[in-house]
Amino acid sequence: MRGVAKKDSSVSKVVVRGGDITEITINRPEKHNAMDMETLKGLEKAIRSASAKKECRAIVIDGEGGKAFSAGGDINMLFEADEKKAGEIFDAFLDVISAIRESEKIVIAAITGYCFGGGCEIACACDFRFASIDSKFAQPEVRIGVTPGGGATYNLGRIIGLQKARMMIFTGGQIDAKTALSFGLVDRIVNRGMMEYIRRFISETGDAEVVGFAKMGINRVIRDKSSVEREFFVRSLVSKRAKTAMAAFLGRKGAR
């Protein structure tokens, strides 16, 4: 998504457009904005940098190209991971999620197209999720023999309820934007002018410092179970079952 602010910095896979509303764009459109380690580290750095700027009132995270917010973790990265690397991947996702939650700024996921796996989990860490009508949501990890590794096992149910979270996680199936709105996964469907809508929305929120204090109070009562999720993510990712499923996926897609 293109914003109205001037581009002020660029990392190869993450683009930042600064200002009072800072837009951070996942920039791998050829991969449906799937995230590798460089992308994850770039996201964390960009979020923490924007959070430290007094002039920044809100952060918007989106995906380049119009076809995907993010398809999740890069499958090639996951396929090649041994136990040590699997732990590092989990920690990199957790670092991004922690940067969002620890930021005193309002953080909004502006979603267009695919919002799958780790992409959906990062969106869920945001304070608000606004989506285009053509957006699709899924936690498809089980379909490649892996458990979620970006907070879905303890955070998705808090947002949409345990039964709906079980449905999404256990089946790996997709839901559309209208269903996501009915679930409470999405806060608004925005058909056009996403950044303009966000700017109007932010203008209607309270004093930035007070909102930041309120956000910190809300987030302090959220007890993450990341250590449990990390254990099962690592165990499942390095299993023969997962490697076989990912190899089949990559073969179908011609990636390997």
Protein backbone atom coordinates (compact mmCIF):
# COMPACT_ATOMS: atom_id res chain seq x y z
CA MET A 1 0.00 0.00 0.00
CA ARG A 2 1.28 3.45 -0.86
CA GLY A 3 1.05 6.09 1.81
CA VAL A 4 0.94 9.86 1.67
CA ALA A 5 4.11 10.38 3.69
CA LYS A 6 7.51 10.81 2.12
CA LYS A 7 9.81 7.79 2.06
CA ASP A 8 12.62 8.47 4.51
CA SER A 9 14.44 5.16 4.84
CA SER A 10 14.64 1.80 3.18
CA VAL A 11 15.92 -1.61 4.06
CA SER A 12 15.80 -4.19 1.27
CA LYS A 13 12.76 -6.00 2.58
CA VAL A 14 11.16 -3.34 4.80
CA VAL A 15 10.28 0.20 3.69
CA VAL A 16 9.51 3.02 6.12
CA ARG A 17 7.61 6.21 5.36
CA GLY A 18 7.88 8.47 8.38
CA GLY A 19 5.74 11.21 9.81
CA ASP A 20 3.06 11.58 12.45
CA ILE A 21 1.63 8.36 11.04
CA THR A 22 4.57 6.14 10.15
CA GLU A 23 3.94 3.48 7.48
CA ILE A 24 6.07 0.34 7.66
CA THR A 25 5.74 -1.85 4.58
CA ILE A 26 6.76 -5.50 4.22
CA ASN A 27 8.45 -5.35 0.84
CA ARG A 28 8.60 -8.84 -0.70
CA PRO A 29 5.68 -8.74 -3.13
CA GLU A 30 7.21 -11.46 -5.31
CA LYS A 31 6.89 -13.79 -2.28
CA HIS A 32 3.46 -12.49 -1.20
CA ASN A 33 5.45 -10.63 1.48
CA ALA A 34 6.52 -13.86 3.19
CA MET A 35 8.96 -13.04 5.96
CA ASP A 36 12.51 -14.35 6.27
CA MET A 37 14.92 -13.45 9.07
CA GLU A 38 16.07 -10.24 7.40
CA THR A 39 12.46 -9.08 7.05
CA LEU A 40 11.61 -9.92 10.65
CA LYS A 41 14.65 -8.11 12.00
CA GLY A 42 13.91 -5.14 9.77
CA LEU A 43 10.33 -4.99 11.01
CA GLU A 44 11.36 -5.05 14.65
CA LYS A 45 13.95 -2.32 14.08
CA ALA A 46 11.49 -0.13 12.17
CA ILE A 47 8.74 -0.50 14.80
CA ARG A 48 11.08 0.30 17.70
CA SER A 49 12.57 3.25 15.82
CA ALA A 50 9.15 4.75 15.06
CA SER A 51 8.02 4.10 18.62
CA ALA A 52 10.90 6.19 19.95
CA LYS A 53 9.99 9.27 17.88
CA LYS A 54 7.92 11.87 19.69
CA GLU A 55 6.38 13.20 16.49
CA CYS A 56 5.03 9.75 15.57
CA ARG A 57 1.49 9.25 16.83
CA ALA A 58 0.65 5.97 15.13
CA ILE A 59 2.31 3.15 13.19
CA VAL A 60 0.74 1.41 10.21
CA ILE A 61 2.06 -1.97 9.08
CA ASP A 62 1.11 -3.12 5.58
CA GLY A 63 2.33 -5.19 2.65
CA GLU A 64 3.68 -4.10 -0.72
CA GLY A 65 1.97 -5.00 -3.98
CA GLY A 66 -1.71 -5.09 -3.08
CA LYS A 67 -1.99 -8.90 -3.15
CA ALA A 68 -0.84 -9.76 0.36
CA PHE A 69 -0.31 -8.27 3.79
CA SER A 70 1.94 -11.27 4.42
CA ALA A 71 1.71 -14.95 3.57
CA GLY A 72 3.58 -15.68 6.82
CA GLY A 73 7.00 -17.18 7.38
CA ASP A 74 9.10 -17.92 4.32
CA ILE A 75 8.62 -21.63 3.61
CA ASN A 76 12.19 -22.08 2.35
CA MET A 77 13.46 -20.67 5.65
CA LEU A 78 11.21 -23.02 7.62
CA PHE A 79 12.11 -26.04 5.51
CA GLU A 80 15.84 -25.53 6.00
CA ALA A 81 15.65 -24.94 9.77
CA ASP A 82 17.29 -27.28 12.26
CA GLU A 83 16.41 -27.14 15.97
CA LYS A 84 18.67 -24.14 16.69
CA LYS A 85 17.39 -22.20 13.69
CA ALA A 86 13.78 -23.07 14.54
CA GLY A 87 14.24 -21.43 17.93
CA GLU A 88 15.78 -18.36 16.31
CA ILE A 89 12.85 -18.06 13.91
CA PHE A 90 10.36 -18.23 16.78
CA ASP A 91 12.33 -15.62 18.71
CA ALA A 92 12.45 -13.29 15.69
CA PHE A 93 8.65 -13.41 15.36
CA LEU A 94 8.30 -12.85 19.10
CA ASP A 95 10.63 -9.83 18.88
CA VAL A 96 8.34 -8.23 16.28
CA ILE A 97 5.24 -8.94 18.35
CA SER A 98 6.94 -7.60 21.49
CA ALA A 99 7.95 -4.42 19.65
CA ILE A 100 4.30 -3.87 18.70
CA ARG A 101 2.98 -4.50 22.19
CA GLU A 102 5.67 -2.48 23.93
CA SER A 103 5.13 0.52 21.67
CA GLU A 104 3.13 3.33 23.25
CA LYS A 105 1.95 4.29 19.76
CA ILE A 106 -1.28 3.02 18.25
CA VAL A 107 -0.25 0.23 15.84
CA ILE A 108 -2.61 -0.63 12.99
CA ALA A 109 -2.41 -3.53 10.54
CA ALA A 110 -3.65 -2.33 7.13
CA ILE A 111 -4.49 -5.58 5.38
CA THR A 112 -4.97 -6.25 1.69
CA GLY A 113 -5.06 -9.75 0.23
CA TYR A 114 -3.49 -12.73 1.99
CA CYS A 115 -2.95 -12.50 5.75
CA PHE A 116 -1.74 -15.96 6.63
CA GLY A 117 0.25 -17.67 9.38
CA GLY A 118 2.84 -15.40 10.90
CA GLY A 119 1.35 -12.48 8.98
CA CYS A 120 -1.98 -13.02 10.71
CA GLU A 121 -0.21 -13.37 14.05
CA ILE A 122 1.62 -10.07 13.60
CA ALA A 123 -1.67 -8.44 12.59
CA CYS A 124 -3.27 -9.85 15.75
CA ALA A 125 -0.56 -8.24 17.87
CA CYS A 126 -1.59 -4.82 16.50
CA ASP A 127 -4.10 -2.62 18.29
CA PHE A 128 -6.43 -2.52 15.28
CA ARG A 129 -6.86 -4.43 12.04
CA PHE A 130 -8.40 -2.71 9.02
CA ALA A 131 -8.85 -4.83 5.90
CA SER A 132 -9.87 -4.53 2.27
CA ILE A 133 -12.87 -6.57 1.15
CA ASP A 134 -10.64 -8.97 -0.81
CA SER A 135 -8.55 -9.93 2.23
CA LYS A 136 -8.20 -13.57 3.26
CA PHE A 137 -7.14 -14.85 6.69
CA ALA A 138 -5.77 -18.21 7.80
CA GLN A 139 -3.55 -20.02 10.29
CA PRO A 140 -2.49 -22.75 7.84
CA GLU A 141 0.54 -24.09 9.74
CA VAL A 142 -1.03 -27.48 10.48
CA ARG A 143 -1.24 -28.13 6.75
CA ILE A 144 2.55 -28.21 6.59
CA GLY A 145 2.92 -30.17 9.83
CA VAL A 146 3.80 -27.23 12.10
CA THR A 147 2.13 -25.53 15.07
CA PRO A 148 1.73 -21.73 15.03
CA GLY A 149 4.81 -19.87 16.18
CA GLY A 150 3.79 -16.23 16.39
CA GLY A 151 1.25 -16.11 19.18
CA ALA A 152 -1.86 -17.68 17.65
CA THR A 153 -2.12 -20.44 20.27
CA TYR A 154 -2.58 -17.92 23.09
CA ASN A 155 -3.60 -14.68 21.35
CA LEU A 156 -6.07 -15.59 18.61
CA GLY A 157 -8.58 -17.02 21.07
CA ARG A 158 -8.40 -13.85 23.14
CA ILE A 159 -9.50 -11.88 20.09
CA ILE A 160 -12.10 -14.12 18.43
CA GLY A 161 -12.93 -16.68 21.12
CA LEU A 162 -11.50 -20.13 21.75
CA GLN A 163 -13.87 -22.09 19.52
CA LYS A 164 -13.30 -19.92 16.46
CA ALA A 165 -9.56 -19.97 17.16
CA ARG A 166 -9.62 -23.76 17.36
CA MET A 167 -11.45 -23.88 14.04
CA MET A 168 -8.88 -21.67 12.32
CA ILE A 169 -5.84 -23.38 13.85
CA PHE A 170 -6.99 -27.00 13.70
CA THR A 171 -8.27 -26.87 10.09
CA GLY A 172 -5.88 -24.31 8.61
CA GLY A 173 -8.79 -23.09 6.49
CA GLN A 174 -9.29 -19.61 5.09
CA ILE A 175 -11.92 -17.04 6.03
CA ASP A 176 -12.82 -13.95 4.02
CA ALA A 177 -12.94 -10.34 5.21
CA LYS A 178 -16.66 -10.37 6.03
CA THR A 179 -16.27 -13.50 8.13
CA ALA A 180 -13.20 -12.02 9.82
CA LEU A 181 -15.26 -8.92 10.64
CA SER A 182 -18.05 -11.06 12.12
CA PHE A 183 -15.46 -12.98 14.17
CA GLY A 184 -13.94 -9.76 15.54
CA LEU A 185 -10.63 -10.52 13.85
CA VAL A 186 -11.03 -7.38 11.73
CA ASP A 187 -12.21 -4.05 13.14
CA ARG A 188 -13.22 -2.35 9.88
CA ILE A 189 -13.50 -3.20 6.20
CA VAL A 190 -12.12 -0.32 4.14
CA ASN A 191 -12.84 -0.50 0.44
CA ARG A 192 -10.68 2.42 -0.71
CA GLY A 193 -8.39 5.11 0.63
CA MET A 194 -6.92 3.05 3.48
CA MET A 195 -4.34 5.61 4.63
CA GLU A 196 -6.86 8.44 4.44
CA TYR A 197 -9.29 6.40 6.54
CA ILE A 198 -6.56 5.64 9.08
CA ARG A 199 -5.63 9.31 9.30
CA ARG A 200 -9.25 10.22 10.06
CA PHE A 201 -9.47 7.40 12.60
CA ILE A 202 -6.32 8.54 14.43
CA SER A 203 -7.60 12.12 14.51
CA GLU A 204 -10.58 10.87 16.51
CA THR A 205 -8.49 9.14 19.20
CA GLY A 206 -7.53 10.78 22.46
CA ASP A 207 -4.33 12.46 23.60
CA ALA A 208 -1.41 10.42 22.33
CA GLU A 209 0.33 10.15 25.71
CA VAL A 210 -2.83 9.14 27.52
CA VAL A 211 -3.67 6.57 24.83
CA GLY A 212 -0.14 5.19 25.23
CA PHE A 213 -0.62 4.81 28.98
CA ALA A 214 -3.96 3.07 28.40
CA LYS A 215 -2.36 0.67 25.91
CA MET A 216 0.36 -0.25 28.38
CA GLY A 217 -2.28 -0.92 31.02
CA ILE A 218 -4.25 -3.18 28.68
CA ASN A 219 -1.18 -5.09 27.55
CA ARG A 220 0.04 -5.72 31.10
CA VAL A 221 -2.96 -7.92 31.81
CA ILE A 222 -2.31 -10.07 28.73
CA ARG A 223 -0.33 -13.10 29.88
CA ASP A 224 1.50 -14.63 26.97
CA LYS A 225 2.27 -18.32 26.83
CA SER A 226 5.13 -17.86 24.41
CA SER A 227 7.47 -20.34 26.15
CA VAL A 228 4.96 -23.18 25.71
CA GLU A 229 4.26 -22.18 22.10
CA ARG A 230 8.01 -22.00 21.39
CA GLU A 231 8.53 -25.59 22.58
CA PHE A 232 5.85 -27.06 20.34
CA PHE A 233 6.78 -24.89 17.35
CA VAL A 234 10.41 -26.03 17.45
CA ARG A 235 9.49 -29.69 17.97
CA SER A 236 7.00 -29.70 15.12
CA LEU A 237 9.13 -27.67 12.69
CA VAL A 238 12.09 -30.06 12.84
CA SER A 239 9.93 -33.19 12.57
CA LYS A 240 10.10 -35.48 9.55
CA ARG A 241 6.36 -34.96 9.07
CA ALA A 242 6.81 -31.19 8.68
CA LYS A 243 9.81 -31.46 6.38
CA THR A 244 7.92 -33.90 4.13
CA ALA A 245 4.87 -31.63 3.97
CA MET A 246 6.97 -28.54 3.23
CA ALA A 247 8.97 -30.35 0.57
CA ALA A 248 5.71 -31.28 -1.14
CA PHE A 249 4.47 -27.70 -0.91
CA LEU A 250 7.67 -26.28 -2.32
CA GLY A 251 7.63 -28.86 -5.10
CA ARG A 252 4.10 -27.89 -6.12
CA LYS A 253 5.09 -24.26 -6.16
CA GLY A 254 8.30 -24.93 -8.04
CA ALA A 255 10.33 -23.21 -5.33
CA ARG A 256 12.86 -25.98 -4.92
